[in-house]
Amino acid sequence: MAKQLEITYVKSVASRPEYERRVMRALGLRRLHQTVVREDVPWVRGMIQRVRHLVEVKEVPEGTGEGQEIERA
């Protein structure tokens, strides 16, 4: 199983360039504080790099599937 990343939308795209808005939509992030799980592949890492100031990223523990709820502390 490939590693996965938990990406959380933490800062608004208001007043940000259009390419940053498009990257956030492509990652599946629509609303503040929304979290998505994506595969850890080079093109996802590249998108995260473009909007690193707007998101928080954590690696998902092994065995946690993309469709499963992730326990928050």
Protein backbone atom coordinates (compact mmCIF):
# COMPACT_ATOMS: atom_id res chain seq x y z
CA MET A 1 0.00 0.00 0.00
CA ALA A 2 1.33 3.45 -0.92
CA LYS A 3 1.85 6.07 1.75
CA GLN A 4 -0.89 8.62 2.15
CA LEU A 5 -0.98 12.25 3.18
CA GLU A 6 -3.61 14.05 5.21
CA ILE A 7 -3.98 17.59 3.84
CA THR A 8 -5.90 20.20 5.84
CA TYR A 9 -7.02 23.57 4.43
CA VAL A 10 -5.98 26.14 7.08
CA LYS A 11 -5.74 29.53 5.35
CA SER A 12 -8.14 31.17 2.89
CA VAL A 13 -7.41 31.63 -0.81
CA ALA A 14 -9.10 35.05 -0.81
CA SER A 15 -6.73 37.60 -2.39
CA ARG A 16 -4.49 34.78 -3.64
CA PRO A 17 -3.52 34.23 -7.30
CA GLU A 18 -5.81 32.15 -9.50
CA TYR A 19 -3.30 29.29 -9.84
CA GLU A 20 -3.35 28.78 -6.05
CA ARG A 21 -7.16 28.62 -6.07
CA ARG A 22 -7.03 26.03 -8.86
CA VAL A 23 -4.48 23.92 -7.02
CA MET A 24 -6.65 23.89 -3.88
CA ARG A 25 -9.66 22.76 -5.95
CA ALA A 26 -7.57 20.08 -7.67
CA LEU A 27 -6.53 18.74 -4.27
CA GLY A 28 -10.23 18.50 -3.38
CA LEU A 29 -10.18 21.29 -0.81
CA ARG A 30 -13.26 23.51 -0.94
CA ARG A 31 -13.80 24.86 2.61
CA LEU A 32 -11.54 26.02 5.45
CA HIS A 33 -10.62 23.29 7.95
CA GLN A 34 -11.56 20.58 5.46
CA THR A 35 -9.24 17.56 5.43
CA VAL A 36 -8.62 15.18 2.54
CA VAL A 37 -6.41 12.11 2.21
CA ARG A 38 -4.34 11.74 -0.95
CA GLU A 39 -1.69 9.29 -2.12
CA ASP A 40 1.90 10.37 -1.53
CA VAL A 41 2.98 10.67 -5.17
CA PRO A 42 5.24 13.26 -6.83
CA TRP A 43 2.49 15.29 -8.52
CA VAL A 44 0.51 15.62 -5.26
CA ARG A 45 3.72 16.69 -3.48
CA GLY A 46 4.23 19.29 -6.22
CA MET A 47 0.73 20.69 -5.74
CA ILE A 48 1.25 20.82 -1.97
CA GLN A 49 4.53 22.68 -2.51
CA ARG A 50 2.68 25.37 -4.50
CA VAL A 51 0.19 26.02 -1.66
CA ARG A 52 2.29 25.03 1.36
CA HIS A 53 1.43 28.34 3.09
CA LEU A 54 -2.30 27.51 2.91
CA VAL A 55 -2.31 23.88 4.09
CA GLU A 56 -1.01 21.58 6.82
CA VAL A 57 0.22 18.13 5.79
CA LYS A 58 0.63 14.97 7.89
CA GLU A 59 1.50 11.43 6.90
CA VAL A 60 -1.33 8.97 7.55
CA PRO A 61 -0.38 5.92 9.64
CA GLU A 62 -0.06 2.63 7.72
CA GLY A 63 -3.28 0.64 7.50
CA THR A 64 -5.57 3.68 7.46
CA GLY A 65 -7.47 3.62 4.18
CA GLU A 66 -8.49 6.62 2.10
CA GLY A 67 -12.19 6.00 2.75
CA GLN A 68 -11.80 5.62 6.50
CA GLU A 69 -12.25 8.26 9.18
CA ILE A 70 -8.99 9.41 10.73
CA GLU A 71 -8.94 9.75 14.50
CA ARG A 72 -8.10 13.29 15.64
CA ALA A 73 -6.46 14.15 18.96
